[in-house]
Amino acid sequence: MSFVPANTHEYFMRIALDEAELAARENEIPVGAVLVKDGEIVLRDHNRTKQHANPLAHAEKLIIDKIMASDAVFLYDYSLYVTLEPCLMCAGMLVWGRLGTLVFGTADPKSGVVGSVYNVLKDKSFNHHPIVIGKVLELECSSLLTSFFKDKR
């Protein structure tokens, strides 16, 4: 796996933030994700739980489902950028899909399992442990979520 400079992480996270902003405009919880391979965007999406009438339609899951429906078997050579720390369902998909690198924006103290509530990606029970880089554009990612929920109250 090649080294990716920090500014590249910010570049792709900004695209994930664009997706999160689309989600907010669609009255979805503003979480966006981007799947990257060899420095190129492969897929991008955002939460669509209301649109799909499915509580499982998280940005990460939609992307992983799409890439797995292609010729991809394992995701060792891919990086996933997501604006919010993944939940248990999404983190499990990253382990089973053998994702190479996860880059997330802000922690989720209520249901994040990449360090907040638990760290499933470091659990020694599993045989795959993606590289994890957190807090990339943390303030921007956090602010978008905070504003969205503030407007709801």
N, C-alpha and C. Protein backbone atom coordinates (compact mmCIF):
# COMPACT_ATOMS: atom_id res chain seq x y z
N MET A 1 0.84 -1.17 0.00
CA MET A 1 0.00 0.00 0.00
C MET A 1 0.89 1.24 0.00
N SER A 2 0.56 2.21 -0.83
CA SER A 2 1.41 3.39 -0.96
C SER A 2 1.05 4.45 0.09
N PHE A 3 2.00 5.30 0.38
CA PHE A 3 1.81 6.39 1.33
C PHE A 3 0.98 7.49 0.69
N VAL A 4 -0.01 7.98 1.42
CA VAL A 4 -0.84 9.07 0.94
C VAL A 4 -0.58 10.29 1.82
N PRO A 5 -0.14 11.41 1.25
CA PRO A 5 0.13 12.59 2.07
C PRO A 5 -1.13 13.10 2.76
N ALA A 6 -0.97 13.76 3.89
CA ALA A 6 -2.09 14.23 4.71
C ALA A 6 -3.03 15.13 3.91
N ASN A 7 -2.50 16.00 3.05
CA ASN A 7 -3.37 16.89 2.29
C ASN A 7 -4.28 16.11 1.34
N THR A 8 -3.86 14.92 0.92
CA THR A 8 -4.70 14.07 0.09
C THR A 8 -5.89 13.59 0.91
N HIS A 9 -5.66 13.26 2.17
CA HIS A 9 -6.77 12.86 3.04
C HIS A 9 -7.79 13.99 3.16
N GLU A 10 -7.31 15.21 3.29
CA GLU A 10 -8.22 16.36 3.38
C GLU A 10 -8.98 16.55 2.07
N TYR A 11 -8.32 16.35 0.95
CA TYR A 11 -8.98 16.48 -0.35
C TYR A 11 -10.17 15.53 -0.46
N PHE A 12 -9.94 14.25 -0.17
CA PHE A 12 -11.02 13.27 -0.29
C PHE A 12 -12.07 13.46 0.79
N MET A 13 -11.67 13.92 1.98
CA MET A 13 -12.66 14.17 3.03
C MET A 13 -13.57 15.33 2.64
N ARG A 14 -13.03 16.31 1.93
CA ARG A 14 -13.88 17.42 1.47
C ARG A 14 -14.94 16.91 0.50
N ILE A 15 -14.60 15.94 -0.30
CA ILE A 15 -15.59 15.36 -1.21
C ILE A 15 -16.63 14.59 -0.41
N ALA A 16 -16.20 13.88 0.62
CA ALA A 16 -17.15 13.20 1.50
C ALA A 16 -18.05 14.24 2.19
N LEU A 17 -17.49 15.38 2.57
CA LEU A 17 -18.31 16.45 3.16
C LEU A 17 -19.32 16.99 2.15
N ASP A 18 -18.94 17.08 0.88
CA ASP A 18 -19.91 17.48 -0.15
C ASP A 18 -21.08 16.51 -0.17
N GLU A 19 -20.78 15.23 -0.06
CA GLU A 19 -21.84 14.21 -0.02
C GLU A 19 -22.70 14.39 1.23
N ALA A 20 -22.07 14.67 2.37
CA ALA A 20 -22.81 14.88 3.61
C ALA A 20 -23.73 16.09 3.50
N GLU A 21 -23.27 17.13 2.83
CA GLU A 21 -24.10 18.32 2.63
C GLU A 21 -25.30 18.00 1.74
N LEU A 22 -25.10 17.15 0.74
CA LEU A 22 -26.23 16.69 -0.09
C LEU A 22 -27.24 15.96 0.78
N ALA A 23 -26.75 15.11 1.66
CA ALA A 23 -27.64 14.38 2.56
C ALA A 23 -28.46 15.36 3.40
N ALA A 24 -27.83 16.37 3.96
CA ALA A 24 -28.54 17.35 4.79
C ALA A 24 -29.63 18.05 3.99
N ARG A 25 -29.32 18.43 2.75
CA ARG A 25 -30.33 19.08 1.89
C ARG A 25 -31.49 18.14 1.58
N GLU A 26 -31.23 16.84 1.62
CA GLU A 26 -32.27 15.84 1.37
C GLU A 26 -32.94 15.38 2.68
N ASN A 27 -32.67 16.10 3.76
CA ASN A 27 -33.19 15.79 5.09
C ASN A 27 -32.75 14.42 5.61
N GLU A 28 -31.58 14.01 5.19
CA GLU A 28 -30.95 12.79 5.69
C GLU A 28 -29.88 13.19 6.70
N ILE A 29 -29.56 12.31 7.64
CA ILE A 29 -28.47 12.60 8.56
C ILE A 29 -27.22 12.83 7.71
N PRO A 30 -26.53 13.96 7.89
CA PRO A 30 -25.45 14.34 6.98
C PRO A 30 -24.14 13.59 7.19
N VAL A 31 -24.10 12.41 6.61
CA VAL A 31 -22.88 11.61 6.59
C VAL A 31 -22.59 11.29 5.13
N GLY A 32 -21.36 11.54 4.73
CA GLY A 32 -20.94 11.25 3.36
C GLY A 32 -19.72 10.36 3.37
N ALA A 33 -19.54 9.63 2.26
CA ALA A 33 -18.41 8.72 2.15
C ALA A 33 -17.90 8.68 0.71
N VAL A 34 -16.61 8.40 0.59
CA VAL A 34 -15.94 8.30 -0.71
C VAL A 34 -15.00 7.10 -0.67
N LEU A 35 -15.08 6.25 -1.68
CA LEU A 35 -14.18 5.10 -1.80
C LEU A 35 -13.13 5.43 -2.85
N VAL A 36 -11.86 5.23 -2.49
CA VAL A 36 -10.73 5.63 -3.34
C VAL A 36 -9.82 4.43 -3.56
N LYS A 37 -9.34 4.30 -4.79
CA LYS A 37 -8.32 3.30 -5.12
C LYS A 37 -7.30 3.96 -6.03
N ASP A 38 -6.03 3.80 -5.70
CA ASP A 38 -4.94 4.37 -6.50
C ASP A 38 -5.12 5.87 -6.75
N GLY A 39 -5.59 6.59 -5.74
CA GLY A 39 -5.76 8.02 -5.85
C GLY A 39 -6.95 8.49 -6.66
N GLU A 40 -7.81 7.57 -7.06
CA GLU A 40 -8.97 7.90 -7.87
C GLU A 40 -10.25 7.53 -7.12
N ILE A 41 -11.26 8.39 -7.24
CA ILE A 41 -12.55 8.10 -6.63
C ILE A 41 -13.24 6.99 -7.41
N VAL A 42 -13.63 5.96 -6.70
CA VAL A 42 -14.34 4.83 -7.30
C VAL A 42 -15.84 5.01 -7.11
N LEU A 43 -16.24 5.36 -5.90
CA LEU A 43 -17.65 5.57 -5.57
C LEU A 43 -17.77 6.67 -4.53
N ARG A 44 -18.91 7.31 -4.51
CA ARG A 44 -19.23 8.29 -3.49
C ARG A 44 -20.72 8.24 -3.23
N ASP A 45 -21.10 8.47 -1.98
CA ASP A 45 -22.52 8.42 -1.63
C ASP A 45 -22.72 9.07 -0.27
N HIS A 46 -23.97 9.13 0.15
CA HIS A 46 -24.31 9.69 1.46
C HIS A 46 -25.46 8.89 2.05
N ASN A 47 -25.74 9.15 3.32
CA ASN A 47 -26.84 8.45 3.98
C ASN A 47 -28.13 8.62 3.19
N ARG A 48 -28.90 7.54 3.11
CA ARG A 48 -30.16 7.56 2.38
C ARG A 48 -31.22 6.73 3.13
N THR A 49 -31.20 6.79 4.44
CA THR A 49 -32.12 5.95 5.22
C THR A 49 -33.58 6.32 4.98
N LYS A 50 -33.88 7.60 4.86
CA LYS A 50 -35.26 8.02 4.59
C LYS A 50 -35.65 7.73 3.14
N GLN A 51 -34.74 8.03 2.22
CA GLN A 51 -35.03 7.81 0.79
C GLN A 51 -35.32 6.35 0.50
N HIS A 52 -34.57 5.46 1.13
CA HIS A 52 -34.72 4.03 0.89
C HIS A 52 -35.67 3.37 1.89
N ALA A 53 -36.18 4.17 2.84
CA ALA A 53 -37.02 3.65 3.92
C ALA A 53 -36.35 2.43 4.54
N ASN A 54 -35.05 2.61 4.83
CA ASN A 54 -34.24 1.50 5.34
C ASN A 54 -33.21 2.06 6.31
N PRO A 55 -33.30 1.71 7.59
CA PRO A 55 -32.34 2.24 8.56
C PRO A 55 -30.91 1.77 8.33
N LEU A 56 -30.71 0.83 7.42
CA LEU A 56 -29.38 0.32 7.12
C LEU A 56 -28.71 1.05 5.95
N ALA A 57 -29.36 2.01 5.36
CA ALA A 57 -28.83 2.69 4.17
C ALA A 57 -27.83 3.79 4.55
N HIS A 58 -26.79 3.38 5.29
CA HIS A 58 -25.71 4.30 5.65
C HIS A 58 -24.79 4.49 4.45
N ALA A 59 -24.12 5.62 4.40
CA ALA A 59 -23.24 5.95 3.28
C ALA A 59 -22.21 4.85 3.03
N GLU A 60 -21.56 4.38 4.11
CA GLU A 60 -20.53 3.35 3.97
C GLU A 60 -21.11 2.06 3.42
N LYS A 61 -22.25 1.66 3.94
CA LYS A 61 -22.87 0.41 3.50
C LYS A 61 -23.28 0.47 2.03
N LEU A 62 -23.84 1.60 1.63
CA LEU A 62 -24.24 1.74 0.22
C LEU A 62 -23.04 1.58 -0.70
N ILE A 63 -21.92 2.18 -0.31
CA ILE A 63 -20.70 2.09 -1.12
C ILE A 63 -20.15 0.66 -1.11
N ILE A 64 -20.06 0.05 0.05
CA ILE A 64 -19.52 -1.32 0.13
C ILE A 64 -20.42 -2.28 -0.65
N ASP A 65 -21.74 -2.13 -0.53
CA ASP A 65 -22.65 -2.97 -1.31
C ASP A 65 -22.40 -2.83 -2.81
N LYS A 66 -22.22 -1.58 -3.27
CA LYS A 66 -22.00 -1.34 -4.70
C LYS A 66 -20.68 -1.94 -5.18
N ILE A 67 -19.61 -1.74 -4.42
CA ILE A 67 -18.32 -2.25 -4.88
C ILE A 67 -18.29 -3.77 -4.84
N MET A 68 -18.94 -4.35 -3.85
CA MET A 68 -18.97 -5.81 -3.77
C MET A 68 -19.85 -6.42 -4.87
N ALA A 69 -20.78 -5.65 -5.40
CA ALA A 69 -21.61 -6.13 -6.51
C ALA A 69 -20.83 -6.09 -7.82
N SER A 70 -19.67 -5.42 -7.83
CA SER A 70 -18.82 -5.39 -9.01
C SER A 70 -17.89 -6.61 -8.94
N ASP A 71 -16.74 -6.53 -9.57
CA ASP A 71 -15.81 -7.65 -9.56
C ASP A 71 -14.93 -7.71 -8.31
N ALA A 72 -15.06 -6.72 -7.43
CA ALA A 72 -14.22 -6.68 -6.24
C ALA A 72 -14.56 -7.85 -5.30
N VAL A 73 -13.53 -8.47 -4.77
CA VAL A 73 -13.73 -9.53 -3.79
C VAL A 73 -13.32 -9.01 -2.41
N PHE A 74 -12.13 -8.46 -2.32
CA PHE A 74 -11.64 -7.85 -1.09
C PHE A 74 -11.15 -6.45 -1.41
N LEU A 75 -11.12 -5.61 -0.39
CA LEU A 75 -10.83 -4.19 -0.58
C LEU A 75 -9.49 -3.75 -0.01
N TYR A 76 -8.52 -4.63 -0.01
CA TYR A 76 -7.19 -4.32 0.53
C TYR A 76 -6.60 -3.04 -0.07
N ASP A 77 -6.84 -2.80 -1.34
CA ASP A 77 -6.23 -1.68 -2.06
C ASP A 77 -7.09 -0.41 -2.06
N TYR A 78 -8.12 -0.39 -1.25
CA TYR A 78 -9.04 0.74 -1.22
C TYR A 78 -8.94 1.51 0.09
N SER A 79 -9.28 2.79 0.01
CA SER A 79 -9.42 3.64 1.19
C SER A 79 -10.84 4.19 1.20
N LEU A 80 -11.45 4.17 2.38
CA LEU A 80 -12.79 4.72 2.53
C LEU A 80 -12.70 5.96 3.41
N TYR A 81 -13.21 7.06 2.90
CA TYR A 81 -13.27 8.32 3.63
C TYR A 81 -14.72 8.53 4.04
N VAL A 82 -14.96 8.72 5.32
CA VAL A 82 -16.31 8.93 5.81
C VAL A 82 -16.29 10.04 6.86
N THR A 83 -17.31 10.88 6.83
CA THR A 83 -17.32 12.06 7.68
C THR A 83 -17.57 11.74 9.15
N LEU A 84 -18.16 10.59 9.46
CA LEU A 84 -18.48 10.22 10.83
C LEU A 84 -17.92 8.83 11.13
N GLU A 85 -17.38 8.67 12.31
CA GLU A 85 -16.88 7.36 12.76
C GLU A 85 -17.95 6.29 12.52
N PRO A 86 -17.60 5.18 11.89
CA PRO A 86 -18.58 4.14 11.57
C PRO A 86 -19.23 3.48 12.79
N CYS A 87 -20.46 3.03 12.57
CA CYS A 87 -21.21 2.25 13.56
C CYS A 87 -20.77 0.79 13.47
N LEU A 88 -21.34 -0.04 14.31
CA LEU A 88 -20.97 -1.45 14.35
C LEU A 88 -21.25 -2.16 13.02
N MET A 89 -22.41 -1.90 12.42
CA MET A 89 -22.74 -2.54 11.14
C MET A 89 -21.70 -2.18 10.08
N CYS A 90 -21.42 -0.90 9.94
CA CYS A 90 -20.50 -0.46 8.89
C CYS A 90 -19.07 -0.93 9.17
N ALA A 91 -18.65 -0.84 10.43
CA ALA A 91 -17.29 -1.30 10.77
C ALA A 91 -17.15 -2.79 10.51
N GLY A 92 -18.18 -3.55 10.81
CA GLY A 92 -18.14 -4.99 10.51
C GLY A 92 -17.96 -5.25 9.03
N MET A 93 -18.64 -4.47 8.20
CA MET A 93 -18.50 -4.62 6.75
C MET A 93 -17.06 -4.32 6.31
N LEU A 94 -16.43 -3.38 6.98
CA LEU A 94 -15.05 -3.01 6.62
C LEU A 94 -14.08 -4.13 6.99
N VAL A 95 -14.35 -4.81 8.10
CA VAL A 95 -13.52 -5.96 8.48
C VAL A 95 -13.72 -7.09 7.49
N TRP A 96 -14.98 -7.48 7.26
CA TRP A 96 -15.26 -8.63 6.38
C TRP A 96 -14.88 -8.35 4.93
N GLY A 97 -14.97 -7.08 4.51
CA GLY A 97 -14.58 -6.71 3.15
C GLY A 97 -13.08 -6.50 2.99
N ARG A 98 -12.34 -6.56 4.11
CA ARG A 98 -10.89 -6.41 4.12
C ARG A 98 -10.43 -5.06 3.58
N LEU A 99 -11.11 -3.99 4.04
CA LEU A 99 -10.73 -2.64 3.63
C LEU A 99 -9.29 -2.35 4.02
N GLY A 100 -8.55 -1.68 3.15
CA GLY A 100 -7.17 -1.32 3.44
C GLY A 100 -7.05 -0.19 4.45
N THR A 101 -7.75 0.93 4.20
CA THR A 101 -7.62 2.10 5.05
C THR A 101 -8.98 2.76 5.25
N LEU A 102 -9.25 3.12 6.50
CA LEU A 102 -10.42 3.91 6.84
C LEU A 102 -9.93 5.27 7.31
N VAL A 103 -10.52 6.32 6.74
CA VAL A 103 -10.23 7.69 7.18
C VAL A 103 -11.57 8.30 7.56
N PHE A 104 -11.69 8.74 8.83
CA PHE A 104 -12.96 9.34 9.22
C PHE A 104 -12.73 10.74 9.77
N GLY A 105 -13.83 11.52 9.75
CA GLY A 105 -13.75 12.91 10.16
C GLY A 105 -13.92 13.12 11.65
N THR A 106 -15.11 12.83 12.15
CA THR A 106 -15.38 13.11 13.56
C THR A 106 -15.86 11.86 14.28
N ALA A 107 -15.59 11.82 15.56
CA ALA A 107 -15.99 10.69 16.40
C ALA A 107 -17.51 10.70 16.60
N ASP A 108 -18.04 9.52 16.90
CA ASP A 108 -19.46 9.37 17.23
C ASP A 108 -19.53 8.78 18.64
N PRO A 109 -19.62 9.64 19.65
CA PRO A 109 -19.58 9.14 21.03
C PRO A 109 -20.74 8.25 21.43
N LYS A 110 -21.82 8.24 20.64
CA LYS A 110 -22.98 7.42 20.99
C LYS A 110 -22.95 6.04 20.34
N SER A 111 -22.44 5.95 19.11
CA SER A 111 -22.48 4.65 18.45
C SER A 111 -21.26 4.34 17.58
N GLY A 112 -20.21 5.12 17.71
CA GLY A 112 -19.00 4.87 16.93
C GLY A 112 -18.20 3.72 17.52
N VAL A 113 -17.78 2.80 16.67
CA VAL A 113 -17.03 1.63 17.15
C VAL A 113 -15.64 1.54 16.54
N VAL A 114 -15.05 2.70 16.28
CA VAL A 114 -13.66 2.76 15.84
C VAL A 114 -12.89 3.59 16.86
N GLY A 115 -13.27 3.43 18.12
CA GLY A 115 -12.57 4.09 19.20
C GLY A 115 -13.44 4.77 20.22
N SER A 116 -14.66 5.14 19.88
CA SER A 116 -15.51 5.87 20.83
C SER A 116 -16.17 4.95 21.85
N VAL A 117 -17.10 4.13 21.40
CA VAL A 117 -17.79 3.19 22.28
C VAL A 117 -16.98 1.91 22.43
N TYR A 118 -16.34 1.53 21.35
CA TYR A 118 -15.58 0.29 21.26
C TYR A 118 -14.68 0.44 20.04
N ASN A 119 -13.73 -0.46 19.86
CA ASN A 119 -12.93 -0.42 18.64
C ASN A 119 -12.90 -1.80 17.99
N VAL A 120 -13.92 -2.03 17.17
CA VAL A 120 -14.05 -3.33 16.50
C VAL A 120 -12.90 -3.57 15.52
N LEU A 121 -12.33 -2.49 14.96
CA LEU A 121 -11.27 -2.66 13.97
C LEU A 121 -9.95 -3.09 14.59
N LYS A 122 -9.84 -3.01 15.91
CA LYS A 122 -8.63 -3.48 16.60
C LYS A 122 -8.88 -4.74 17.41
N ASP A 123 -10.07 -5.27 17.32
CA ASP A 123 -10.41 -6.47 18.09
C ASP A 123 -9.57 -7.64 17.59
N LYS A 124 -8.81 -8.25 18.48
CA LYS A 124 -7.90 -9.34 18.10
C LYS A 124 -8.64 -10.61 17.70
N SER A 125 -9.94 -10.66 17.93
CA SER A 125 -10.74 -11.81 17.50
C SER A 125 -10.85 -11.90 15.99
N PHE A 126 -10.68 -10.76 15.33
CA PHE A 126 -10.81 -10.73 13.88
C PHE A 126 -9.43 -10.78 13.22
N ASN A 127 -9.39 -11.32 12.01
CA ASN A 127 -8.10 -11.51 11.35
C ASN A 127 -7.74 -10.38 10.38
N HIS A 128 -8.54 -9.33 10.33
CA HIS A 128 -8.20 -8.20 9.46
C HIS A 128 -8.38 -6.91 10.26
N HIS A 129 -7.40 -6.02 10.13
CA HIS A 129 -7.41 -4.76 10.86
C HIS A 129 -7.00 -3.63 9.91
N PRO A 130 -7.98 -2.91 9.36
CA PRO A 130 -7.63 -1.81 8.45
C PRO A 130 -6.79 -0.75 9.15
N ILE A 131 -6.02 -0.04 8.38
CA ILE A 131 -5.34 1.15 8.88
C ILE A 131 -6.44 2.18 9.16
N VAL A 132 -6.34 2.87 10.29
CA VAL A 132 -7.36 3.86 10.65
C VAL A 132 -6.69 5.21 10.87
N ILE A 133 -7.26 6.22 10.23
CA ILE A 133 -6.81 7.60 10.40
C ILE A 133 -8.06 8.40 10.76
N GLY A 134 -8.05 9.00 11.94
CA GLY A 134 -9.22 9.75 12.39
C GLY A 134 -8.95 11.23 12.50
N LYS A 135 -10.03 11.95 12.70
CA LYS A 135 -10.01 13.40 12.95
C LYS A 135 -9.52 14.21 11.76
N VAL A 136 -9.78 13.75 10.55
CA VAL A 136 -9.45 14.53 9.35
C VAL A 136 -10.61 15.48 9.07
N LEU A 137 -10.34 16.76 9.10
CA LEU A 137 -11.34 17.82 8.97
C LEU A 137 -12.44 17.64 10.03
N GLU A 138 -11.98 17.30 11.22
CA GLU A 138 -12.90 16.99 12.33
C GLU A 138 -13.90 18.11 12.60
N LEU A 139 -13.43 19.34 12.66
CA LEU A 139 -14.32 20.46 12.98
C LEU A 139 -15.42 20.62 11.94
N GLU A 140 -15.06 20.55 10.66
CA GLU A 140 -16.04 20.69 9.59
C GLU A 140 -17.06 19.56 9.63
N CYS A 141 -16.60 18.35 9.84
CA CYS A 141 -17.50 17.19 9.89
C CYS A 141 -18.44 17.29 11.09
N SER A 142 -17.89 17.65 12.23
CA SER A 142 -18.68 17.78 13.45
C SER A 142 -19.69 18.91 13.35
N SER A 143 -19.26 20.05 12.81
CA SER A 143 -20.13 21.23 12.69
C SER A 143 -21.35 20.94 11.82
N LEU A 144 -21.15 20.21 10.74
CA LEU A 144 -22.27 19.89 9.85
C LEU A 144 -23.32 19.07 10.59
N LEU A 145 -22.88 18.07 11.34
CA LEU A 145 -23.82 17.25 12.10
C LEU A 145 -24.51 18.06 13.21
N THR A 146 -23.73 18.87 13.93
CA THR A 146 -24.28 19.67 15.01
C THR A 146 -25.35 20.64 14.48
N SER A 147 -25.07 21.31 13.38
CA SER A 147 -26.02 22.26 12.78
C SER A 147 -27.29 21.54 12.34
N PHE A 148 -27.13 20.39 11.73
CA PHE A 148 -28.27 19.63 11.24
C PHE A 148 -29.21 19.29 12.40
N PHE A 149 -28.66 18.76 13.49
CA PHE A 149 -29.50 18.35 14.61
C PHE A 149 -30.03 19.56 15.39
N LYS A 150 -29.28 20.64 15.42
CA LYS A 150 -29.75 21.86 16.08
C LYS A 150 -30.98 22.39 15.36
N ASP A 151 -30.96 22.35 14.03
CA ASP A 151 -32.10 22.82 13.23
C ASP A 151 -33.33 21.92 13.41
N LYS A 152 -33.10 20.67 13.79
CA LYS A 152 -34.21 19.72 14.00
C LYS A 152 -34.92 19.95 15.32
N ARG A 153 -34.23 20.57 16.27
CA ARG A 153 -34.80 20.74 17.63
C ARG A 153 -35.61 22.00 17.74
